[in-house]
Amino acid sequence: MNPQCSKCKAAMRKYNYSVKEIERMRNDYADLKKEAEKPAEDKMDMLAFLNKNYPTAEDFLLSDVKKKYKETFGIVKTFDVLTEEIEATKLFRVSRIHNVYHVKRLSNNWGRKEVRKDATSNLLP
């Protein structure tokens, strides 16, 4: 390859990027395997983790959860694994809006309609 050719330079950049991405994915996979092999008592419950880091937040990003989980435990989890663990708590729901994953806290009265009195009801006998 001629290193002066712009197409050759682009091909080399693409190759180097691909090699780095493959290495990153292999490292992430190795971390996931190590985490799966750990005994259960070393792992923190996902519900406790979410309540500790997001005590009052109603809506937050799944990417933020992934980043904090990695900082706390040094373990990289994929969005699929995090989604499965978060939804298993039954107190949080993961939704995808415009290709951005959001974690929403389910409130106690989720799905119920609030009954309101309007001003005209006071005028009726």
C-alpha atoms as a PDB file:
ATOM      1  CA  MET A   1       0.000   0.000   0.000  1.00  0.00           C
ATOM      2  CA  ASN A   2       1.114   3.476  -0.815  1.00  0.00           C
ATOM      3  CA  PRO A   3       1.000   5.485   2.441  1.00  0.00           C
ATOM      4  CA  GLN A   4       0.539   8.732   0.490  1.00  0.00           C
ATOM      5  CA  CYS A   5      -2.758   7.686  -1.124  1.00  0.00           C
ATOM      6  CA  SER A   6      -5.830   9.061   0.683  1.00  0.00           C
ATOM      7  CA  LYS A   7      -7.812   5.866   0.080  1.00  0.00           C
ATOM      8  CA  CYS A   8      -4.976   3.830   1.543  1.00  0.00           C
ATOM      9  CA  LYS A   9      -4.798   6.091   4.598  1.00  0.00           C
ATOM     10  CA  ALA A  10      -8.555   5.733   5.094  1.00  0.00           C
ATOM     11  CA  ALA A  11      -8.305   1.952   4.798  1.00  0.00           C
ATOM     12  CA  MET A  12      -5.506   1.888   7.393  1.00  0.00           C
ATOM     13  CA  ARG A  13      -7.521   4.079   9.786  1.00  0.00           C
ATOM     14  CA  LYS A  14     -10.545   1.818   9.357  1.00  0.00           C
ATOM     15  CA  TYR A  15      -8.441  -1.277   9.991  1.00  0.00           C
ATOM     16  CA  ASN A  16      -6.844   0.208  13.125  1.00  0.00           C
ATOM     17  CA  TYR A  17     -10.242   1.285  14.438  1.00  0.00           C
ATOM     18  CA  SER A  18     -11.657  -2.197  13.829  1.00  0.00           C
ATOM     19  CA  VAL A  19      -8.762  -3.811  15.671  1.00  0.00           C
ATOM     20  CA  LYS A  20      -9.257  -1.476  18.663  1.00  0.00           C
ATOM     21  CA  GLU A  21     -13.015  -2.143  18.746  1.00  0.00           C
ATOM     22  CA  ILE A  22     -12.512  -5.906  18.613  1.00  0.00           C
ATOM     23  CA  GLU A  23     -10.011  -5.697  21.460  1.00  0.00           C
ATOM     24  CA  ARG A  24     -12.405  -3.544  23.516  1.00  0.00           C
ATOM     25  CA  MET A  25     -15.272  -5.983  22.937  1.00  0.00           C
ATOM     26  CA  ARG A  26     -13.077  -8.933  23.937  1.00  0.00           C
ATOM     27  CA  ASN A  27     -12.109  -7.143  27.157  1.00  0.00           C
ATOM     28  CA  ASP A  28     -15.766  -6.356  27.918  1.00  0.00           C
ATOM     29  CA  TYR A  29     -16.704  -9.980  27.293  1.00  0.00           C
ATOM     30  CA  ALA A  30     -13.905 -11.183  29.576  1.00  0.00           C
ATOM     31  CA  ASP A  31     -15.143  -8.817  32.308  1.00  0.00           C
ATOM     32  CA  LEU A  32     -18.681 -10.164  31.917  1.00  0.00           C
ATOM     33  CA  LYS A  33     -17.432 -13.751  32.221  1.00  0.00           C
ATOM     34  CA  LYS A  34     -15.446 -12.872  35.370  1.00  0.00           C
ATOM     35  CA  GLU A  35     -18.497 -11.184  36.884  1.00  0.00           C
ATOM     36  CA  ALA A  36     -20.696 -14.184  36.106  1.00  0.00           C
ATOM     37  CA  GLU A  37     -18.234 -16.527  37.818  1.00  0.00           C
ATOM     38  CA  LYS A  38     -18.113 -14.482  41.043  1.00  0.00           C
ATOM     39  CA  PRO A  39     -20.078 -15.753  44.032  1.00  0.00           C
ATOM     40  CA  ALA A  40     -23.465 -14.104  44.512  1.00  0.00           C
ATOM     41  CA  GLU A  41     -22.651 -12.531  47.899  1.00  0.00           C
ATOM     42  CA  ASP A  42     -20.050 -10.225  46.334  1.00  0.00           C
ATOM     43  CA  LYS A  43     -22.588  -8.701  43.967  1.00  0.00           C
ATOM     44  CA  MET A  44     -24.732  -5.763  44.985  1.00  0.00           C
ATOM     45  CA  ASP A  45     -28.450  -6.062  44.455  1.00  0.00           C
ATOM     46  CA  MET A  46     -29.549  -3.938  41.476  1.00  0.00           C
ATOM     47  CA  LEU A  47     -32.443  -2.446  43.466  1.00  0.00           C
ATOM     48  CA  ALA A  48     -30.080  -1.362  46.253  1.00  0.00           C
ATOM     49  CA  PHE A  49     -27.645   0.055  43.682  1.00  0.00           C
ATOM     50  CA  LEU A  50     -30.362   2.109  41.952  1.00  0.00           C
ATOM     51  CA  ASN A  51     -31.857   3.370  45.218  1.00  0.00           C
ATOM     52  CA  LYS A  52     -28.402   4.361  46.477  1.00  0.00           C
ATOM     53  CA  ASN A  53     -27.352   6.232  43.324  1.00  0.00           C
ATOM     54  CA  TYR A  54     -30.757   7.581  42.217  1.00  0.00           C
ATOM     55  CA  PRO A  55     -32.824   7.994  45.408  1.00  0.00           C
ATOM     56  CA  THR A  56     -35.285  10.593  44.083  1.00  0.00           C
ATOM     57  CA  ALA A  57     -34.773  10.538  40.312  1.00  0.00           C
ATOM     58  CA  GLU A  58     -37.859   9.587  38.329  1.00  0.00           C
ATOM     59  CA  ASP A  59     -36.146   9.388  34.913  1.00  0.00           C
ATOM     60  CA  PHE A  60     -32.458   8.859  34.146  1.00  0.00           C
ATOM     61  CA  LEU A  61     -30.325   7.464  31.341  1.00  0.00           C
ATOM     62  CA  LEU A  62     -29.311   3.821  31.140  1.00  0.00           C
ATOM     63  CA  SER A  63     -25.874   4.908  29.893  1.00  0.00           C
ATOM     64  CA  ASP A  64     -25.418   6.803  33.178  1.00  0.00           C
ATOM     65  CA  VAL A  65     -26.306   3.639  35.118  1.00  0.00           C
ATOM     66  CA  LYS A  66     -23.782   1.682  33.038  1.00  0.00           C
ATOM     67  CA  LYS A  67     -21.068   4.276  33.711  1.00  0.00           C
ATOM     68  CA  LYS A  68     -21.726   4.371  37.483  1.00  0.00           C
ATOM     69  CA  TYR A  69     -21.862   0.581  37.662  1.00  0.00           C
ATOM     70  CA  LYS A  70     -18.471   0.381  35.965  1.00  0.00           C
ATOM     71  CA  GLU A  71     -17.009   3.034  38.312  1.00  0.00           C
ATOM     72  CA  THR A  72     -18.409   1.297  41.392  1.00  0.00           C
ATOM     73  CA  PHE A  73     -17.639  -2.340  40.620  1.00  0.00           C
ATOM     74  CA  GLY A  74     -15.189  -2.153  37.722  1.00  0.00           C
ATOM     75  CA  ILE A  75     -17.508  -4.369  35.676  1.00  0.00           C
ATOM     76  CA  VAL A  76     -18.848  -3.460  32.246  1.00  0.00           C
ATOM     77  CA  LYS A  77     -22.394  -4.689  31.619  1.00  0.00           C
ATOM     78  CA  THR A  78     -24.194  -4.455  28.311  1.00  0.00           C
ATOM     79  CA  PHE A  79     -27.473  -2.594  27.930  1.00  0.00           C
ATOM     80  CA  ASP A  80     -29.296  -5.912  27.522  1.00  0.00           C
ATOM     81  CA  VAL A  81     -27.981  -7.300  30.813  1.00  0.00           C
ATOM     82  CA  LEU A  82     -28.671  -4.040  32.658  1.00  0.00           C
ATOM     83  CA  THR A  83     -32.180  -3.829  31.199  1.00  0.00           C
ATOM     84  CA  GLU A  84     -32.938  -7.379  32.285  1.00  0.00           C
ATOM     85  CA  GLU A  85     -31.661  -6.797  35.837  1.00  0.00           C
ATOM     86  CA  ILE A  86     -33.389  -3.427  36.219  1.00  0.00           C
ATOM     87  CA  GLU A  87     -36.756  -4.674  34.980  1.00  0.00           C
ATOM     88  CA  ALA A  88     -36.467  -7.726  37.260  1.00  0.00           C
ATOM     89  CA  THR A  89     -36.791  -5.353  40.239  1.00  0.00           C
ATOM     90  CA  LYS A  90     -40.357  -4.508  39.067  1.00  0.00           C
ATOM     91  CA  LEU A  91     -39.894  -0.964  40.404  1.00  0.00           C
ATOM     92  CA  PHE A  92     -38.166   0.403  37.304  1.00  0.00           C
ATOM     93  CA  ARG A  93     -38.935   0.256  33.588  1.00  0.00           C
ATOM     94  CA  VAL A  94     -36.505   0.760  30.711  1.00  0.00           C
ATOM     95  CA  SER A  95     -37.855   2.535  27.649  1.00  0.00           C
ATOM     96  CA  ARG A  96     -36.213   3.430  24.367  1.00  0.00           C
ATOM     97  CA  ILE A  97     -37.071   6.857  22.994  1.00  0.00           C
ATOM     98  CA  HIS A  98     -35.326   7.979  19.789  1.00  0.00           C
ATOM     99  CA  ASN A  99     -32.604   5.358  20.294  1.00  0.00           C
ATOM    100  CA  VAL A 100     -31.831   6.625  23.819  1.00  0.00           C
ATOM    101  CA  TYR A 101     -32.535   4.267  26.723  1.00  0.00           C
ATOM    102  CA  HIS A 102     -34.275   5.809  29.745  1.00  0.00           C
ATOM    103  CA  VAL A 103     -34.880   4.202  33.134  1.00  0.00           C
ATOM    104  CA  LYS A 104     -38.151   5.306  34.686  1.00  0.00           C
ATOM    105  CA  ARG A 105     -39.202   4.736  38.268  1.00  0.00           C
ATOM    106  CA  LEU A 106     -42.665   3.264  38.526  1.00  0.00           C
ATOM    107  CA  SER A 107     -44.717   5.188  41.068  1.00  0.00           C
ATOM    108  CA  ASN A 108     -47.165   3.571  43.491  1.00  0.00           C
ATOM    109  CA  ASN A 109     -50.250   4.803  41.652  1.00  0.00           C
ATOM    110  CA  TRP A 110     -48.946   4.059  38.171  1.00  0.00           C
ATOM    111  CA  GLY A 111     -51.793   3.537  35.760  1.00  0.00           C
ATOM    112  CA  ARG A 112     -54.491   4.961  38.026  1.00  0.00           C
ATOM    113  CA  LYS A 113     -56.443   8.058  37.143  1.00  0.00           C
ATOM    114  CA  GLU A 114     -56.655  10.806  39.689  1.00  0.00           C
ATOM    115  CA  VAL A 115     -60.214  11.843  40.506  1.00  0.00           C
ATOM    116  CA  ARG A 116     -60.599  15.611  40.440  1.00  0.00           C
ATOM    117  CA  LYS A 117     -63.494  17.815  41.354  1.00  0.00           C
ATOM    118  CA  ASP A 118     -64.091  20.555  38.894  1.00  0.00           C
ATOM    119  CA  ALA A 119     -65.601  23.923  39.762  1.00  0.00           C
ATOM    120  CA  THR A 120     -68.980  23.179  38.153  1.00  0.00           C
ATOM    121  CA  SER A 121     -69.678  20.195  40.412  1.00  0.00           C
ATOM    122  CA  ASN A 122     -70.111  22.537  43.398  1.00  0.00           C
ATOM    123  CA  LEU A 123     -72.970  24.366  41.641  1.00  0.00           C
ATOM    124  CA  LEU A 124     -75.114  21.266  41.207  1.00  0.00           C
ATOM    125  CA  PRO A 125     -77.727  20.574  43.963  1.00  0.00           C
END
